[in-house]
Amino acid sequence: MTNKYKGENVRPPAHRSPYPLSRLAPSIELVELARELSEADDMLTVQATAQLRLLAEQMAQLRAQARRILSETREHQELHRAQCGFSKKPGHAYHLYKKRSGTLVFSLVGPSEWGPQAPFEYVGTYRLELDKTWKKIEG
């Protein structure tokens, strides 16, 4: 029987070993390895936290923008549902009044044209845009 598969014949060369085989090789300190792992974990945690914080801020901005859009849409829909005795055309300004019952009414007559007192509470003047939105005219 030969010793072909036993002892020195089976060991891989030293340059392939993951562990130091010589006293001259640098020693691997478990404490140093643990420190490196801890530093890597800390750095990755900081990076992930920063990225998640940025995403949270962007989500908050998108949520606020969505709420603003929905609010504006509701307002435009409410103005389109106001009582009106004429055909509304884009580019024209209309005066909005509120009756005592709370009903909104569009009129072609401005608040200064009513004389001493308007019959309803003046809310504002709005211009109908081409995209069917309303723009409040200041003044």
C-alpha atoms as a PDB file:
ATOM      1  CA  MET A   1       0.000   0.000   0.000  1.00  0.00           C
ATOM      2  CA  THR A   2       1.305   3.412  -0.911  1.00  0.00           C
ATOM      3  CA  ASN A   3       1.108   6.618   1.063  1.00  0.00           C
ATOM      4  CA  LYS A   4       0.144   8.538  -2.025  1.00  0.00           C
ATOM      5  CA  TYR A   5      -3.076   9.985  -0.515  1.00  0.00           C
ATOM      6  CA  LYS A   6      -1.909  10.571   3.050  1.00  0.00           C
ATOM      7  CA  GLY A   7       0.105  13.171   4.900  1.00  0.00           C
ATOM      8  CA  GLU A   8       2.258  15.662   2.997  1.00  0.00           C
ATOM      9  CA  ASN A   9       0.997  14.469  -0.360  1.00  0.00           C
ATOM     10  CA  VAL A  10      -2.515  15.798   0.292  1.00  0.00           C
ATOM     11  CA  ARG A  11      -1.757  19.272   1.674  1.00  0.00           C
ATOM     12  CA  PRO A  12      -2.235  22.184  -0.728  1.00  0.00           C
ATOM     13  CA  PRO A  13       0.659  24.537  -1.250  1.00  0.00           C
ATOM     14  CA  ALA A  14       1.079  27.346   1.322  1.00  0.00           C
ATOM     15  CA  HIS A  15       0.189  30.106  -1.167  1.00  0.00           C
ATOM     16  CA  ARG A  16      -3.368  28.680  -1.462  1.00  0.00           C
ATOM     17  CA  SER A  17      -4.158  28.563   2.235  1.00  0.00           C
ATOM     18  CA  PRO A  18      -6.558  31.176   3.664  1.00  0.00           C
ATOM     19  CA  TYR A  19      -4.741  31.034   6.990  1.00  0.00           C
ATOM     20  CA  PRO A  20      -1.163  31.980   7.774  1.00  0.00           C
ATOM     21  CA  LEU A  21       1.070  28.908   7.758  1.00  0.00           C
ATOM     22  CA  SER A  22       4.276  30.635   8.666  1.00  0.00           C
ATOM     23  CA  ARG A  23       5.422  32.569  11.683  1.00  0.00           C
ATOM     24  CA  LEU A  24       6.482  35.326   9.285  1.00  0.00           C
ATOM     25  CA  ALA A  25       2.972  35.740   7.843  1.00  0.00           C
ATOM     26  CA  PRO A  26       0.848  38.586   9.256  1.00  0.00           C
ATOM     27  CA  SER A  27      -1.429  37.390  11.998  1.00  0.00           C
ATOM     28  CA  ILE A  28      -5.179  37.823  11.709  1.00  0.00           C
ATOM     29  CA  GLU A  29      -6.569  39.421  14.828  1.00  0.00           C
ATOM     30  CA  LEU A  30     -10.182  38.613  15.574  1.00  0.00           C
ATOM     31  CA  VAL A  31     -10.600  41.933  17.362  1.00  0.00           C
ATOM     32  CA  GLU A  32      -9.355  43.812  14.293  1.00  0.00           C
ATOM     33  CA  LEU A  33     -11.659  41.823  12.024  1.00  0.00           C
ATOM     34  CA  ALA A  34     -14.620  42.546  14.318  1.00  0.00           C
ATOM     35  CA  ARG A  35     -13.714  46.263  14.283  1.00  0.00           C
ATOM     36  CA  GLU A  36     -13.617  46.319  10.475  1.00  0.00           C
ATOM     37  CA  LEU A  37     -16.988  44.589  10.280  1.00  0.00           C
ATOM     38  CA  SER A  38     -18.436  47.036  12.785  1.00  0.00           C
ATOM     39  CA  GLU A  39     -17.104  50.044  10.820  1.00  0.00           C
ATOM     40  CA  ALA A  40     -18.545  48.647   7.580  1.00  0.00           C
ATOM     41  CA  ASP A  41     -21.914  48.058   9.245  1.00  0.00           C
ATOM     42  CA  ASP A  42     -21.918  51.596  10.668  1.00  0.00           C
ATOM     43  CA  MET A  43     -21.051  53.151   7.297  1.00  0.00           C
ATOM     44  CA  LEU A  44     -23.715  51.150   5.466  1.00  0.00           C
ATOM     45  CA  THR A  45     -26.294  52.063   8.103  1.00  0.00           C
ATOM     46  CA  VAL A  46     -25.468  55.781   7.740  1.00  0.00           C
ATOM     47  CA  GLN A  47     -25.742  55.578   3.947  1.00  0.00           C
ATOM     48  CA  ALA A  48     -29.034  53.656   4.047  1.00  0.00           C
ATOM     49  CA  THR A  49     -30.475  56.062   6.620  1.00  0.00           C
ATOM     50  CA  ALA A  50     -29.551  59.078   4.490  1.00  0.00           C
ATOM     51  CA  GLN A  51     -31.103  57.543   1.386  1.00  0.00           C
ATOM     52  CA  LEU A  52     -34.285  56.580   3.255  1.00  0.00           C
ATOM     53  CA  ARG A  53     -34.542  60.063   4.775  1.00  0.00           C
ATOM     54  CA  LEU A  54     -34.292  61.581   1.282  1.00  0.00           C
ATOM     55  CA  LEU A  55     -37.032  59.247   0.024  1.00  0.00           C
ATOM     56  CA  ALA A  56     -39.242  60.160   2.991  1.00  0.00           C
ATOM     57  CA  GLU A  57     -38.817  63.880   2.220  1.00  0.00           C
ATOM     58  CA  GLN A  58     -39.653  63.291  -1.448  1.00  0.00           C
ATOM     59  CA  MET A  59     -42.733  61.279  -0.461  1.00  0.00           C
ATOM     60  CA  ALA A  60     -43.882  64.099   1.834  1.00  0.00           C
ATOM     61  CA  GLN A  61     -43.446  66.615  -0.996  1.00  0.00           C
ATOM     62  CA  LEU A  62     -45.369  64.383  -3.409  1.00  0.00           C
ATOM     63  CA  ARG A  63     -48.145  63.886  -0.847  1.00  0.00           C
ATOM     64  CA  ALA A  64     -48.422  67.667  -0.354  1.00  0.00           C
ATOM     65  CA  GLN A  65     -48.468  68.211  -4.117  1.00  0.00           C
ATOM     66  CA  ALA A  66     -51.180  65.568  -4.560  1.00  0.00           C
ATOM     67  CA  ARG A  67     -53.294  67.195  -1.843  1.00  0.00           C
ATOM     68  CA  ARG A  68     -52.882  70.611  -3.486  1.00  0.00           C
ATOM     69  CA  ILE A  69     -53.913  69.213  -6.879  1.00  0.00           C
ATOM     70  CA  LEU A  70     -56.980  67.493  -5.404  1.00  0.00           C
ATOM     71  CA  SER A  71     -57.965  70.666  -3.527  1.00  0.00           C
ATOM     72  CA  GLU A  72     -57.637  72.799  -6.678  1.00  0.00           C
ATOM     73  CA  THR A  73     -59.638  70.248  -8.673  1.00  0.00           C
ATOM     74  CA  ARG A  74     -62.447  70.291  -6.088  1.00  0.00           C
ATOM     75  CA  GLU A  75     -62.486  74.093  -6.175  1.00  0.00           C
ATOM     76  CA  HIS A  76     -62.660  74.162 -10.000  1.00  0.00           C
ATOM     77  CA  GLN A  77     -65.451  71.567  -9.966  1.00  0.00           C
ATOM     78  CA  GLU A  78     -67.393  73.595  -7.397  1.00  0.00           C
ATOM     79  CA  LEU A  79     -67.064  76.721  -9.555  1.00  0.00           C
ATOM     80  CA  HIS A  80     -68.299  74.827 -12.625  1.00  0.00           C
ATOM     81  CA  ARG A  81     -71.356  73.754 -10.630  1.00  0.00           C
ATOM     82  CA  ALA A  82     -72.249  77.329  -9.591  1.00  0.00           C
ATOM     83  CA  GLN A  83     -75.594  78.591 -10.868  1.00  0.00           C
ATOM     84  CA  CYS A  84     -75.301  80.531 -14.074  1.00  0.00           C
ATOM     85  CA  GLY A  85     -77.904  81.982 -16.433  1.00  0.00           C
ATOM     86  CA  PHE A  86     -75.585  82.274 -19.431  1.00  0.00           C
ATOM     87  CA  SER A  87     -73.023  80.265 -21.387  1.00  0.00           C
ATOM     88  CA  LYS A  88     -69.521  80.517 -19.895  1.00  0.00           C
ATOM     89  CA  LYS A  89     -66.745  81.049 -22.439  1.00  0.00           C
ATOM     90  CA  PRO A  90     -62.985  80.659 -21.925  1.00  0.00           C
ATOM     91  CA  GLY A  91     -61.108  83.935 -21.579  1.00  0.00           C
ATOM     92  CA  HIS A  92     -64.044  85.811 -20.022  1.00  0.00           C
ATOM     93  CA  ALA A  93     -64.278  87.018 -16.434  1.00  0.00           C
ATOM     94  CA  TYR A  94     -67.290  86.275 -14.257  1.00  0.00           C
ATOM     95  CA  HIS A  95     -68.259  87.566 -10.834  1.00  0.00           C
ATOM     96  CA  LEU A  96     -69.067  84.994  -8.188  1.00  0.00           C
ATOM     97  CA  TYR A  97     -71.645  85.653  -5.473  1.00  0.00           C
ATOM     98  CA  LYS A  98     -72.983  83.568  -2.601  1.00  0.00           C
ATOM     99  CA  LYS A  99     -76.685  83.580  -1.765  1.00  0.00           C
ATOM    100  CA  ARG A 100     -77.888  83.476   1.845  1.00  0.00           C
ATOM    101  CA  SER A 101     -78.630  79.775   1.331  1.00  0.00           C
ATOM    102  CA  GLY A 102     -74.950  79.176   0.516  1.00  0.00           C
ATOM    103  CA  THR A 103     -75.563  78.596  -3.197  1.00  0.00           C
ATOM    104  CA  LEU A 104     -72.877  80.007  -5.504  1.00  0.00           C
ATOM    105  CA  VAL A 105     -73.991  82.121  -8.485  1.00  0.00           C
ATOM    106  CA  PHE A 106     -71.983  83.537 -11.379  1.00  0.00           C
ATOM    107  CA  SER A 107     -72.995  86.933 -12.739  1.00  0.00           C
ATOM    108  CA  LEU A 108     -71.848  89.234 -15.501  1.00  0.00           C
ATOM    109  CA  VAL A 109     -72.557  92.202 -13.213  1.00  0.00           C
ATOM    110  CA  GLY A 110     -69.629  93.261 -11.032  1.00  0.00           C
ATOM    111  CA  PRO A 111     -69.969  94.327  -7.385  1.00  0.00           C
ATOM    112  CA  SER A 112     -69.540  98.029  -8.192  1.00  0.00           C
ATOM    113  CA  GLU A 113     -72.251  97.886 -10.869  1.00  0.00           C
ATOM    114  CA  TRP A 114     -75.053  96.862  -8.490  1.00  0.00           C
ATOM    115  CA  GLY A 115     -75.502 100.320  -7.062  1.00  0.00           C
ATOM    116  CA  PRO A 116     -75.649 100.914  -3.318  1.00  0.00           C
ATOM    117  CA  GLN A 117     -75.717  97.227  -2.357  1.00  0.00           C
ATOM    118  CA  ALA A 118     -75.368  93.917  -4.171  1.00  0.00           C
ATOM    119  CA  PRO A 119     -78.199  91.418  -3.596  1.00  0.00           C
ATOM    120  CA  PHE A 120     -75.712  88.675  -2.664  1.00  0.00           C
ATOM    121  CA  GLU A 121     -72.356  88.400  -0.920  1.00  0.00           C
ATOM    122  CA  TYR A 122     -69.503  89.001  -3.367  1.00  0.00           C
ATOM    123  CA  VAL A 123     -66.945  86.152  -3.356  1.00  0.00           C
ATOM    124  CA  GLY A 124     -64.571  87.122  -6.168  1.00  0.00           C
ATOM    125  CA  THR A 125     -64.020  87.513  -9.872  1.00  0.00           C
ATOM    126  CA  TYR A 126     -62.824  84.495 -11.855  1.00  0.00           C
ATOM    127  CA  ARG A 127     -61.634  84.006 -15.418  1.00  0.00           C
ATOM    128  CA  LEU A 128     -62.380  80.734 -17.198  1.00  0.00           C
ATOM    129  CA  GLU A 129     -59.191  79.407 -18.803  1.00  0.00           C
ATOM    130  CA  LEU A 130     -58.950  77.330 -21.987  1.00  0.00           C
ATOM    131  CA  ASP A 131     -58.205  74.179 -19.982  1.00  0.00           C
ATOM    132  CA  LYS A 132     -61.500  74.670 -18.074  1.00  0.00           C
ATOM    133  CA  THR A 133     -59.781  75.774 -14.873  1.00  0.00           C
ATOM    134  CA  TRP A 134     -60.661  78.979 -13.067  1.00  0.00           C
ATOM    135  CA  LYS A 135     -58.210  81.723 -12.191  1.00  0.00           C
ATOM    136  CA  LYS A 136     -59.135  84.190  -9.490  1.00  0.00           C
ATOM    137  CA  ILE A 137     -58.580  87.765 -10.617  1.00  0.00           C
ATOM    138  CA  GLU A 138     -57.257  89.958  -7.855  1.00  0.00           C
ATOM    139  CA  GLY A 139     -58.432  93.498  -7.548  1.00  0.00           C
END
